[in-house]
């Protein structure tokens, strides 16, 4: 339950992570938090936009339709750190989502990926803007039977944990409910 005091903490948090499974409401909750910021909102969409996939186009359109028209939109499938650095000051940045960004970067070799994620984490810490990140929870199911699926799941899980450690607020959204993990949980070491 979001109480008045926990809402004021969320409203003042600079870095917020919203995570959860597919169709849980995590994007809706992140958008609510962005609206509550009472700042101009920059929505960074990390999904690529293939025109030959009508179902994917419908998903993207549903996200567009529910966003306020005054929100800025940047479609950034790869250069996420640079986009955060280039964002106008005094805006709320909503990044939706880390999973699609990880998928777009999946061909990077491990050493390059480590550099990319270190740059993103440093950029998140250094940005003066309020930043809300949406991340998919993919590790609750079976281990994928193919290498690319395991790599995706491991990279996303590690990155989400690292961002969660830096975040001022972390929410898990399940079945349409947002749970404040920092209110109910205990923070672990990001590397253990």
N, C-alpha and C. Protein backbone atom coordinates (compact mmCIF):
# COMPACT_ATOMS: atom_id res chain seq x y z
N UNK A 1 0.84 -1.17 0.00
CA UNK A 1 0.00 0.00 0.00
C UNK A 1 0.89 1.24 0.00
N UNK A 2 0.57 2.19 -0.83
CA UNK A 2 1.32 3.44 -0.88
C UNK A 2 0.66 4.41 0.10
N UNK A 3 1.37 4.73 1.15
CA UNK A 3 0.86 5.67 2.14
C UNK A 3 1.30 7.07 1.76
N UNK A 4 0.74 8.08 2.44
CA UNK A 4 1.10 9.46 2.14
C UNK A 4 2.59 9.69 2.37
N UNK A 5 3.16 9.11 3.43
CA UNK A 5 4.58 9.32 3.69
C UNK A 5 5.44 8.59 2.67
N UNK A 6 5.06 7.37 2.26
CA UNK A 6 5.85 6.67 1.26
C UNK A 6 5.68 7.33 -0.11
N UNK A 7 4.51 7.93 -0.37
CA UNK A 7 4.33 8.66 -1.63
C UNK A 7 5.24 9.86 -1.67
N UNK A 8 5.38 10.60 -0.56
CA UNK A 8 6.25 11.78 -0.57
C UNK A 8 7.71 11.37 -0.76
N UNK A 9 8.11 10.22 -0.21
CA UNK A 9 9.47 9.73 -0.43
C UNK A 9 9.67 9.41 -1.90
N UNK A 10 8.69 8.73 -2.51
CA UNK A 10 8.79 8.39 -3.94
C UNK A 10 8.82 9.66 -4.78
N UNK A 11 8.02 10.65 -4.40
CA UNK A 11 7.96 11.88 -5.17
C UNK A 11 9.27 12.65 -5.11
N UNK A 12 10.05 12.47 -4.04
CA UNK A 12 11.31 13.21 -3.91
C UNK A 12 12.52 12.38 -4.32
N UNK A 13 12.33 11.10 -4.63
CA UNK A 13 13.46 10.24 -5.00
C UNK A 13 14.04 10.68 -6.34
N UNK A 14 15.36 10.65 -6.45
CA UNK A 14 16.02 11.05 -7.69
C UNK A 14 16.16 9.89 -8.67
N UNK A 15 16.44 8.69 -8.18
CA UNK A 15 16.60 7.52 -9.04
C UNK A 15 15.64 6.44 -8.56
N UNK A 16 14.73 6.04 -9.45
CA UNK A 16 13.68 5.08 -9.11
C UNK A 16 13.75 3.93 -10.10
N UNK A 17 13.71 2.71 -9.59
CA UNK A 17 13.63 1.50 -10.41
C UNK A 17 12.26 0.88 -10.22
N UNK A 18 11.60 0.58 -11.34
CA UNK A 18 10.30 -0.10 -11.33
C UNK A 18 10.49 -1.39 -12.10
N UNK A 19 10.31 -2.52 -11.42
CA UNK A 19 10.55 -3.81 -12.05
C UNK A 19 9.33 -4.71 -11.86
N UNK A 20 9.23 -5.70 -12.70
CA UNK A 20 8.13 -6.64 -12.60
C UNK A 20 8.01 -7.46 -13.86
N UNK A 21 7.10 -8.43 -13.86
CA UNK A 21 6.91 -9.29 -15.03
C UNK A 21 6.09 -8.59 -16.12
N UNK A 22 5.95 -9.24 -17.24
CA UNK A 22 5.18 -8.74 -18.36
C UNK A 22 3.74 -8.49 -17.97
N UNK A 23 3.22 -7.37 -18.44
CA UNK A 23 1.81 -6.99 -18.25
C UNK A 23 1.42 -6.81 -16.78
N UNK A 24 2.39 -6.54 -15.93
CA UNK A 24 2.11 -6.38 -14.50
C UNK A 24 1.61 -4.99 -14.16
N UNK A 25 1.89 -4.01 -15.02
CA UNK A 25 1.54 -2.62 -14.74
C UNK A 25 2.75 -1.76 -14.44
N UNK A 26 3.95 -2.29 -14.66
CA UNK A 26 5.16 -1.54 -14.29
C UNK A 26 5.30 -0.25 -15.09
N UNK A 27 4.99 -0.26 -16.37
CA UNK A 27 5.07 0.98 -17.16
C UNK A 27 4.02 1.98 -16.69
N UNK A 28 2.83 1.50 -16.39
CA UNK A 28 1.78 2.39 -15.87
C UNK A 28 2.24 3.06 -14.57
N UNK A 29 2.84 2.27 -13.67
CA UNK A 29 3.30 2.82 -12.39
C UNK A 29 4.43 3.82 -12.61
N UNK A 30 5.36 3.50 -13.50
CA UNK A 30 6.46 4.42 -13.80
C UNK A 30 5.92 5.73 -14.37
N UNK A 31 4.92 5.64 -15.23
CA UNK A 31 4.31 6.84 -15.80
C UNK A 31 3.59 7.66 -14.73
N UNK A 32 2.95 6.99 -13.79
CA UNK A 32 2.31 7.69 -12.67
C UNK A 32 3.35 8.45 -11.85
N UNK A 33 4.47 7.80 -11.56
CA UNK A 33 5.53 8.46 -10.81
C UNK A 33 6.10 9.65 -11.59
N UNK A 34 6.23 9.51 -12.90
CA UNK A 34 6.73 10.63 -13.71
C UNK A 34 5.75 11.80 -13.67
N UNK A 35 4.45 11.51 -13.76
CA UNK A 35 3.46 12.58 -13.69
C UNK A 35 3.50 13.28 -12.33
N UNK A 36 3.69 12.51 -11.27
CA UNK A 36 3.76 13.08 -9.92
C UNK A 36 4.97 13.98 -9.71
N UNK A 37 5.98 13.83 -10.55
CA UNK A 37 7.18 14.64 -10.39
C UNK A 37 6.91 16.12 -10.61
N UNK A 38 5.84 16.42 -11.33
CA UNK A 38 5.48 17.80 -11.67
C UNK A 38 6.61 18.51 -12.42
N UNK A 39 7.38 17.74 -13.16
CA UNK A 39 8.44 18.27 -14.01
C UNK A 39 8.12 17.91 -15.45
N UNK A 40 8.74 18.59 -16.40
CA UNK A 40 8.62 18.12 -17.78
C UNK A 40 9.18 16.70 -17.86
N UNK A 41 8.56 15.86 -18.65
CA UNK A 41 8.97 14.45 -18.74
C UNK A 41 9.59 14.17 -20.10
N UNK A 42 10.75 13.53 -20.04
CA UNK A 42 11.40 13.00 -21.23
C UNK A 42 11.26 11.49 -21.17
N UNK A 43 10.52 10.93 -22.10
CA UNK A 43 10.29 9.49 -22.17
C UNK A 43 11.30 8.92 -23.15
N UNK A 44 12.21 8.07 -22.65
CA UNK A 44 13.18 7.42 -23.52
C UNK A 44 12.71 5.99 -23.77
N UNK A 45 12.30 5.74 -24.99
CA UNK A 45 11.85 4.41 -25.40
C UNK A 45 13.04 3.66 -25.99
N UNK A 46 13.35 2.51 -25.43
CA UNK A 46 14.53 1.76 -25.89
C UNK A 46 14.20 0.73 -26.96
N UNK A 47 12.93 0.51 -27.23
CA UNK A 47 12.54 -0.50 -28.22
C UNK A 47 12.83 -0.01 -29.62
N UNK A 48 13.29 -0.92 -30.47
CA UNK A 48 13.37 -0.60 -31.88
C UNK A 48 11.95 -0.63 -32.43
N UNK A 49 11.76 -0.09 -33.60
CA UNK A 49 10.41 0.10 -34.11
C UNK A 49 10.26 -0.54 -35.49
N UNK A 50 10.29 -1.88 -35.56
CA UNK A 50 10.18 -2.53 -36.87
C UNK A 50 8.77 -2.35 -37.46
N UNK A 51 8.70 -1.91 -38.68
CA UNK A 51 7.41 -1.66 -39.32
C UNK A 51 6.76 -2.94 -39.85
N UNK A 52 7.50 -4.04 -39.88
CA UNK A 52 6.96 -5.29 -40.42
C UNK A 52 6.36 -6.20 -39.34
N UNK A 53 6.15 -5.67 -38.13
CA UNK A 53 5.60 -6.46 -37.02
C UNK A 53 4.38 -5.73 -36.46
N UNK A 54 3.17 -6.05 -36.97
CA UNK A 54 1.97 -5.32 -36.56
C UNK A 54 1.66 -5.45 -35.05
N UNK A 55 1.94 -6.61 -34.48
CA UNK A 55 1.67 -6.79 -33.04
C UNK A 55 2.57 -5.89 -32.22
N UNK A 56 3.85 -5.78 -32.59
CA UNK A 56 4.79 -4.90 -31.88
C UNK A 56 4.38 -3.44 -32.07
N UNK A 57 3.96 -3.09 -33.28
CA UNK A 57 3.48 -1.74 -33.55
C UNK A 57 2.28 -1.40 -32.66
N UNK A 58 1.39 -2.36 -32.44
CA UNK A 58 0.23 -2.13 -31.58
C UNK A 58 0.66 -1.89 -30.13
N UNK A 59 1.66 -2.62 -29.66
CA UNK A 59 2.18 -2.40 -28.30
C UNK A 59 2.77 -1.00 -28.17
N UNK A 60 3.57 -0.61 -29.14
CA UNK A 60 4.18 0.73 -29.10
C UNK A 60 3.09 1.80 -29.14
N UNK A 61 2.08 1.61 -29.98
CA UNK A 61 1.00 2.59 -30.08
C UNK A 61 0.22 2.69 -28.77
N UNK A 62 0.00 1.58 -28.09
CA UNK A 62 -0.70 1.61 -26.80
C UNK A 62 0.07 2.46 -25.78
N UNK A 63 1.40 2.33 -25.77
CA UNK A 63 2.22 3.16 -24.89
C UNK A 63 2.10 4.64 -25.28
N UNK A 64 2.15 4.91 -26.56
CA UNK A 64 2.04 6.31 -27.03
C UNK A 64 0.70 6.91 -26.66
N UNK A 65 -0.37 6.13 -26.83
CA UNK A 65 -1.72 6.64 -26.61
C UNK A 65 -1.97 7.04 -25.16
N UNK A 66 -1.34 6.37 -24.22
CA UNK A 66 -1.63 6.69 -22.82
C UNK A 66 -0.70 7.76 -22.25
N UNK A 67 0.35 8.14 -22.99
CA UNK A 67 1.25 9.18 -22.50
C UNK A 67 0.67 10.56 -22.78
N UNK A 68 0.87 11.50 -21.86
CA UNK A 68 0.42 12.87 -22.13
C UNK A 68 1.13 13.43 -23.36
N UNK A 69 0.43 14.20 -24.17
CA UNK A 69 1.02 14.70 -25.42
C UNK A 69 2.19 15.66 -25.22
N UNK A 70 2.26 16.29 -24.05
CA UNK A 70 3.35 17.24 -23.82
C UNK A 70 4.67 16.56 -23.44
N UNK A 71 4.65 15.26 -23.18
CA UNK A 71 5.90 14.57 -22.86
C UNK A 71 6.78 14.50 -24.10
N UNK A 72 8.07 14.75 -23.90
CA UNK A 72 9.04 14.57 -24.98
C UNK A 72 9.29 13.08 -25.17
N UNK A 73 9.55 12.66 -26.38
CA UNK A 73 9.85 11.26 -26.67
C UNK A 73 11.14 11.17 -27.44
N UNK A 74 12.06 10.36 -26.92
CA UNK A 74 13.28 10.02 -27.65
C UNK A 74 13.29 8.51 -27.81
N UNK A 75 13.46 8.03 -29.02
CA UNK A 75 13.58 6.59 -29.26
C UNK A 75 15.08 6.28 -29.36
N UNK A 76 15.60 5.62 -28.33
CA UNK A 76 17.04 5.40 -28.18
C UNK A 76 17.28 3.90 -27.95
N UNK A 77 17.47 3.12 -29.00
CA UNK A 77 17.66 1.69 -28.80
C UNK A 77 19.04 1.30 -28.27
N UNK A 78 20.06 2.15 -28.43
CA UNK A 78 21.41 1.76 -28.01
C UNK A 78 22.13 2.80 -27.14
N UNK A 79 22.19 4.04 -27.53
CA UNK A 79 23.03 5.05 -26.88
C UNK A 79 22.35 5.64 -25.65
N UNK A 80 22.04 4.77 -24.69
CA UNK A 80 21.27 5.19 -23.52
C UNK A 80 22.04 6.15 -22.61
N UNK A 81 23.30 5.87 -22.34
CA UNK A 81 24.09 6.75 -21.49
C UNK A 81 24.19 8.15 -22.09
N UNK A 82 24.44 8.22 -23.36
CA UNK A 82 24.54 9.52 -24.03
C UNK A 82 23.21 10.26 -23.96
N UNK A 83 22.12 9.56 -24.15
CA UNK A 83 20.80 10.19 -24.08
C UNK A 83 20.55 10.79 -22.71
N UNK A 84 20.90 10.07 -21.66
CA UNK A 84 20.72 10.60 -20.30
C UNK A 84 21.58 11.85 -20.11
N UNK A 85 22.81 11.81 -20.61
CA UNK A 85 23.69 12.99 -20.50
C UNK A 85 23.14 14.17 -21.31
N UNK A 86 22.51 13.91 -22.45
CA UNK A 86 21.99 14.96 -23.33
C UNK A 86 20.62 15.48 -22.91
N UNK A 87 19.99 14.84 -21.94
CA UNK A 87 18.64 15.23 -21.54
C UNK A 87 18.63 16.66 -21.00
N UNK A 88 17.55 17.38 -21.26
CA UNK A 88 17.45 18.73 -20.70
C UNK A 88 17.50 18.67 -19.17
N UNK A 89 18.10 19.68 -18.58
CA UNK A 89 18.16 19.70 -17.12
C UNK A 89 16.77 19.98 -16.56
N UNK A 90 16.57 19.59 -15.35
CA UNK A 90 15.31 19.82 -14.62
C UNK A 90 14.12 19.13 -15.26
N UNK A 91 14.36 17.96 -15.86
CA UNK A 91 13.24 17.17 -16.34
C UNK A 91 13.28 15.81 -15.65
N UNK A 92 12.17 15.13 -15.70
CA UNK A 92 12.10 13.76 -15.21
C UNK A 92 12.29 12.86 -16.42
N UNK A 93 13.28 11.97 -16.34
CA UNK A 93 13.57 11.04 -17.43
C UNK A 93 12.93 9.69 -17.09
N UNK A 94 12.09 9.20 -17.97
CA UNK A 94 11.49 7.87 -17.80
C UNK A 94 12.07 6.98 -18.89
N UNK A 95 12.78 5.93 -18.49
CA UNK A 95 13.40 5.00 -19.43
C UNK A 95 12.60 3.71 -19.43
N UNK A 96 12.04 3.37 -20.57
CA UNK A 96 11.21 2.17 -20.67
C UNK A 96 11.65 1.40 -21.92
N UNK A 97 12.44 0.39 -21.78
CA UNK A 97 12.78 -0.38 -20.60
C UNK A 97 14.21 -0.91 -20.75
N UNK A 98 14.77 -1.30 -19.61
CA UNK A 98 16.12 -1.85 -19.61
C UNK A 98 16.20 -3.16 -20.38
N UNK A 99 15.16 -3.97 -20.33
CA UNK A 99 15.19 -5.26 -21.03
C UNK A 99 15.36 -5.13 -22.52
N UNK A 100 14.63 -4.20 -23.13
CA UNK A 100 14.78 -4.04 -24.57
C UNK A 100 16.15 -3.44 -24.90
N UNK A 101 16.67 -2.57 -24.02
CA UNK A 101 18.00 -2.03 -24.24
C UNK A 101 19.05 -3.14 -24.16
N UNK A 102 18.92 -4.03 -23.17
CA UNK A 102 19.85 -5.17 -23.06
C UNK A 102 19.74 -6.04 -24.31
N UNK A 103 18.52 -6.32 -24.75
CA UNK A 103 18.34 -7.15 -25.96
C UNK A 103 18.99 -6.50 -27.18
N UNK A 104 18.87 -5.17 -27.30
CA UNK A 104 19.47 -4.46 -28.43
C UNK A 104 20.99 -4.52 -28.39
N UNK A 105 21.56 -4.70 -27.21
CA UNK A 105 23.03 -4.71 -27.01
C UNK A 105 23.59 -6.11 -26.86
N UNK A 106 22.79 -7.12 -27.09
CA UNK A 106 23.17 -8.50 -26.79
C UNK A 106 24.37 -8.99 -27.58
N UNK A 107 24.64 -8.41 -28.73
CA UNK A 107 25.78 -8.87 -29.54
C UNK A 107 27.12 -8.32 -29.04
N UNK A 108 27.10 -7.43 -28.07
CA UNK A 108 28.37 -6.92 -27.55
C UNK A 108 29.12 -8.03 -26.84
N UNK A 109 30.43 -8.13 -27.06
CA UNK A 109 31.23 -9.08 -26.29
C UNK A 109 31.22 -8.68 -24.80
N UNK A 110 31.53 -9.65 -23.93
CA UNK A 110 31.44 -9.40 -22.49
C UNK A 110 32.23 -8.20 -22.02
N UNK A 111 33.45 -8.02 -22.51
CA UNK A 111 34.26 -6.89 -22.04
C UNK A 111 33.65 -5.56 -22.47
N UNK A 112 33.12 -5.50 -23.68
CA UNK A 112 32.46 -4.29 -24.16
C UNK A 112 31.17 -4.04 -23.36
N UNK A 113 30.43 -5.11 -23.06
CA UNK A 113 29.20 -4.98 -22.28
C UNK A 113 29.51 -4.45 -20.88
N UNK A 114 30.58 -4.95 -20.27
CA UNK A 114 30.97 -4.46 -18.94
C UNK A 114 31.26 -2.95 -18.99
N UNK A 115 31.92 -2.50 -20.03
CA UNK A 115 32.20 -1.06 -20.19
C UNK A 115 30.91 -0.27 -20.39
N UNK A 116 30.02 -0.81 -21.22
CA UNK A 116 28.74 -0.14 -21.49
C UNK A 116 27.92 0.00 -20.22
N UNK A 117 27.82 -1.06 -19.43
CA UNK A 117 27.01 -0.98 -18.21
C UNK A 117 27.68 -0.11 -17.16
N UNK A 118 28.99 -0.14 -17.06
CA UNK A 118 29.69 0.74 -16.11
C UNK A 118 29.44 2.20 -16.46
N UNK A 119 29.45 2.50 -17.76
CA UNK A 119 29.17 3.87 -18.21
C UNK A 119 27.74 4.27 -17.85
N UNK A 120 26.78 3.37 -18.08
CA UNK A 120 25.40 3.68 -17.74
C UNK A 120 25.24 3.92 -16.25
N UNK A 121 25.79 3.05 -15.42
CA UNK A 121 25.66 3.20 -13.98
C UNK A 121 26.27 4.51 -13.50
N UNK A 122 27.43 4.87 -14.04
CA UNK A 122 28.07 6.14 -13.68
C UNK A 122 27.21 7.32 -14.13
N UNK A 123 26.66 7.23 -15.33
CA UNK A 123 25.81 8.30 -15.85
C UNK A 123 24.57 8.48 -14.99
N UNK A 124 23.96 7.38 -14.56
CA UNK A 124 22.78 7.47 -13.70
C UNK A 124 23.12 8.16 -12.38
N UNK A 125 24.28 7.85 -11.84
CA UNK A 125 24.69 8.46 -10.57
C UNK A 125 25.02 9.94 -10.73
N UNK A 126 25.55 10.33 -11.87
CA UNK A 126 26.00 11.71 -12.06
C UNK A 126 24.91 12.64 -12.56
N UNK A 127 23.86 12.11 -13.12
CA UNK A 127 22.82 12.95 -13.69
C UNK A 127 22.11 13.75 -12.59
N UNK A 128 21.85 15.03 -12.83
CA UNK A 128 21.11 15.82 -11.85
C UNK A 128 19.59 15.60 -11.96
N UNK A 129 19.14 14.92 -12.99
CA UNK A 129 17.71 14.74 -13.25
C UNK A 129 17.14 13.60 -12.42
N UNK A 130 15.85 13.69 -12.18
CA UNK A 130 15.12 12.54 -11.65
C UNK A 130 15.02 11.53 -12.78
N UNK A 131 15.33 10.26 -12.48
CA UNK A 131 15.31 9.21 -13.50
C UNK A 131 14.49 8.04 -12.98
N UNK A 132 13.55 7.61 -13.79
CA UNK A 132 12.73 6.43 -13.48
C UNK A 132 13.04 5.40 -14.55
N UNK A 133 13.48 4.22 -14.12
CA UNK A 133 13.82 3.15 -15.05
C UNK A 133 12.83 2.01 -14.88
N UNK A 134 12.38 1.46 -15.99
CA UNK A 134 11.53 0.27 -16.00
C UNK A 134 12.41 -0.91 -16.41
N UNK A 135 12.29 -2.01 -15.67
CA UNK A 135 13.06 -3.22 -16.00
C UNK A 135 12.17 -4.44 -15.88
N UNK A 136 12.30 -5.33 -16.82
CA UNK A 136 11.54 -6.56 -16.83
C UNK A 136 12.21 -7.58 -15.91
N UNK A 137 11.41 -8.35 -15.20
CA UNK A 137 11.92 -9.48 -14.41
C UNK A 137 11.80 -10.73 -15.27
N UNK A 138 12.93 -11.28 -15.68
CA UNK A 138 12.91 -12.42 -16.58
C UNK A 138 13.40 -13.71 -15.93
N UNK A 139 13.92 -13.63 -14.75
CA UNK A 139 14.58 -14.79 -14.15
C UNK A 139 13.69 -15.65 -13.27
N UNK A 140 12.39 -15.49 -13.32
CA UNK A 140 11.50 -16.28 -12.46
C UNK A 140 11.04 -17.57 -13.11
N UNK A 141 11.44 -17.79 -14.34
CA UNK A 141 11.01 -19.00 -15.04
C UNK A 141 12.15 -19.97 -15.19
N UNK A 142 12.00 -20.85 -16.14
CA UNK A 142 13.02 -21.85 -16.43
C UNK A 142 14.26 -21.22 -17.03
N UNK A 143 15.39 -21.89 -16.87
CA UNK A 143 16.61 -21.45 -17.53
C UNK A 143 16.41 -21.64 -19.03
N UNK A 144 16.62 -20.59 -19.84
CA UNK A 144 16.42 -20.74 -21.28
C UNK A 144 17.32 -21.84 -21.86
N UNK A 145 16.82 -22.61 -22.80
CA UNK A 145 17.60 -23.73 -23.37
C UNK A 145 18.61 -23.31 -24.44
N UNK A 146 18.72 -22.01 -24.69
CA UNK A 146 19.65 -21.57 -25.74
C UNK A 146 20.56 -20.47 -25.18
N UNK A 147 21.79 -20.38 -25.66
CA UNK A 147 22.78 -19.45 -25.09
C UNK A 147 22.36 -17.99 -25.09
N UNK A 148 21.75 -17.50 -26.17
CA UNK A 148 21.37 -16.08 -26.23
C UNK A 148 20.33 -15.75 -25.15
N UNK A 149 19.41 -16.67 -24.90
CA UNK A 149 18.40 -16.46 -23.86
C UNK A 149 19.02 -16.41 -22.47
N UNK A 150 19.99 -17.29 -22.23
CA UNK A 150 20.68 -17.27 -20.92
C UNK A 150 21.51 -16.01 -20.76
N UNK A 151 22.17 -15.58 -21.82
CA UNK A 151 22.97 -14.37 -21.77
C UNK A 151 22.09 -13.16 -21.49
N UNK A 152 20.96 -13.07 -22.19
CA UNK A 152 20.02 -11.97 -21.98
C UNK A 152 19.54 -11.93 -20.53
N UNK A 153 19.10 -13.07 -20.04
CA UNK A 153 18.56 -13.14 -18.68
C UNK A 153 19.62 -12.77 -17.66
N UNK A 154 20.84 -13.27 -17.83
CA UNK A 154 21.92 -12.98 -16.88
C UNK A 154 22.31 -11.50 -16.92
N UNK A 155 22.43 -10.94 -18.13
CA UNK A 155 22.82 -9.54 -18.23
C UNK A 155 21.74 -8.62 -17.65
N UNK A 156 20.49 -8.89 -17.98
CA UNK A 156 19.41 -8.06 -17.46
C UNK A 156 19.30 -8.19 -15.95
N UNK A 157 19.38 -9.40 -15.44
CA UNK A 157 19.29 -9.61 -14.00
C UNK A 157 20.40 -8.89 -13.25
N UNK A 158 21.62 -8.98 -13.76
CA UNK A 158 22.75 -8.31 -13.12
C UNK A 158 22.59 -6.80 -13.17
N UNK A 159 22.22 -6.27 -14.33
CA UNK A 159 22.05 -4.83 -14.48
C UNK A 159 20.93 -4.31 -13.58
N UNK A 160 19.82 -5.02 -13.52
CA UNK A 160 18.70 -4.60 -12.67
C UNK A 160 19.13 -4.56 -11.21
N UNK A 161 19.89 -5.55 -10.79
CA UNK A 161 20.37 -5.57 -9.41
C UNK A 161 21.32 -4.40 -9.14
N UNK A 162 22.19 -4.10 -10.10
CA UNK A 162 23.11 -2.97 -9.92
C UNK A 162 22.35 -1.64 -9.86
N UNK A 163 21.38 -1.46 -10.73
CA UNK A 163 20.58 -0.23 -10.71
C UNK A 163 19.79 -0.16 -9.41
N UNK A 164 19.23 -1.30 -8.98
CA UNK A 164 18.47 -1.32 -7.74
C UNK A 164 19.29 -0.90 -6.54
N UNK A 165 20.56 -1.24 -6.54
CA UNK A 165 21.44 -0.85 -5.44
C UNK A 165 21.66 0.65 -5.42
N UNK A 166 21.69 1.29 -6.58
CA UNK A 166 21.89 2.73 -6.66
C UNK A 166 20.62 3.52 -6.41
N UNK A 167 19.48 2.91 -6.66
CA UNK A 167 18.20 3.62 -6.65
C UNK A 167 17.81 4.08 -5.25
N UNK A 168 17.13 5.24 -5.23
CA UNK A 168 16.55 5.74 -3.98
C UNK A 168 15.25 5.04 -3.65
N UNK A 169 14.54 4.56 -4.67
CA UNK A 169 13.30 3.80 -4.48
C UNK A 169 13.32 2.66 -5.48
N UNK A 170 12.82 1.50 -5.04
CA UNK A 170 12.69 0.33 -5.91
C UNK A 170 11.30 -0.24 -5.71
N UNK A 171 10.57 -0.39 -6.80
CA UNK A 171 9.22 -0.95 -6.75
C UNK A 171 9.16 -2.24 -7.55
N UNK A 172 8.48 -3.22 -7.00
CA UNK A 172 8.13 -4.44 -7.72
C UNK A 172 6.65 -4.34 -8.03
N UNK A 173 6.29 -4.44 -9.29
CA UNK A 173 4.89 -4.35 -9.70
C UNK A 173 4.46 -5.75 -10.14
N UNK A 174 3.44 -6.27 -9.46
CA UNK A 174 2.92 -7.61 -9.74
C UNK A 174 1.40 -7.54 -9.69
N UNK A 175 0.74 -8.06 -10.70
CA UNK A 175 -0.72 -8.15 -10.75
C UNK A 175 -1.39 -6.80 -10.51
N UNK A 176 -0.75 -5.73 -10.99
CA UNK A 176 -1.35 -4.41 -10.86
C UNK A 176 -1.11 -3.71 -9.53
N UNK A 177 -0.22 -4.27 -8.69
CA UNK A 177 0.10 -3.64 -7.41
C UNK A 177 1.58 -3.30 -7.37
N UNK A 178 1.89 -2.10 -6.90
CA UNK A 178 3.28 -1.67 -6.74
C UNK A 178 3.67 -1.85 -5.28
N UNK A 179 4.73 -2.62 -5.06
CA UNK A 179 5.23 -2.88 -3.72
C UNK A 179 6.58 -2.16 -3.57
N UNK A 180 6.69 -1.35 -2.54
CA UNK A 180 7.93 -0.63 -2.25
C UNK A 180 8.91 -1.61 -1.61
N UNK A 181 9.88 -2.08 -2.39
CA UNK A 181 10.80 -3.10 -1.90
C UNK A 181 11.73 -2.56 -0.81
N UNK A 182 12.03 -1.29 -0.84
CA UNK A 182 12.91 -0.74 0.19
C UNK A 182 12.19 -0.60 1.52
N UNK A 183 10.88 -0.47 1.48
CA UNK A 183 10.11 -0.41 2.73
C UNK A 183 9.98 -1.80 3.34
N UNK A 184 9.88 -2.83 2.50
CA UNK A 184 9.60 -4.18 2.98
C UNK A 184 10.79 -5.12 2.88
N UNK A 185 11.84 -4.73 2.19
CA UNK A 185 12.97 -5.63 1.97
C UNK A 185 14.24 -5.13 2.62
N UNK A 186 15.29 -5.89 2.42
CA UNK A 186 16.61 -5.55 2.94
C UNK A 186 17.58 -5.57 1.76
N UNK A 187 18.38 -4.50 1.63
CA UNK A 187 19.29 -4.35 0.50
C UNK A 187 20.44 -5.34 0.62
N UNK A 188 20.76 -6.00 -0.51
CA UNK A 188 21.88 -6.93 -0.59
C UNK A 188 23.05 -6.25 -1.28
N UNK A 189 24.22 -6.85 -1.16
CA UNK A 189 25.39 -6.39 -1.87
C UNK A 189 25.16 -6.60 -3.36
N UNK A 190 25.45 -5.59 -4.21
CA UNK A 190 25.17 -5.75 -5.65
C UNK A 190 26.00 -6.82 -6.34
N UNK A 191 27.10 -7.22 -5.76
CA UNK A 191 28.00 -8.16 -6.42
C UNK A 191 27.92 -9.58 -5.85
N UNK A 192 27.15 -9.80 -4.79
CA UNK A 192 27.14 -11.14 -4.17
C UNK A 192 26.28 -12.12 -4.93
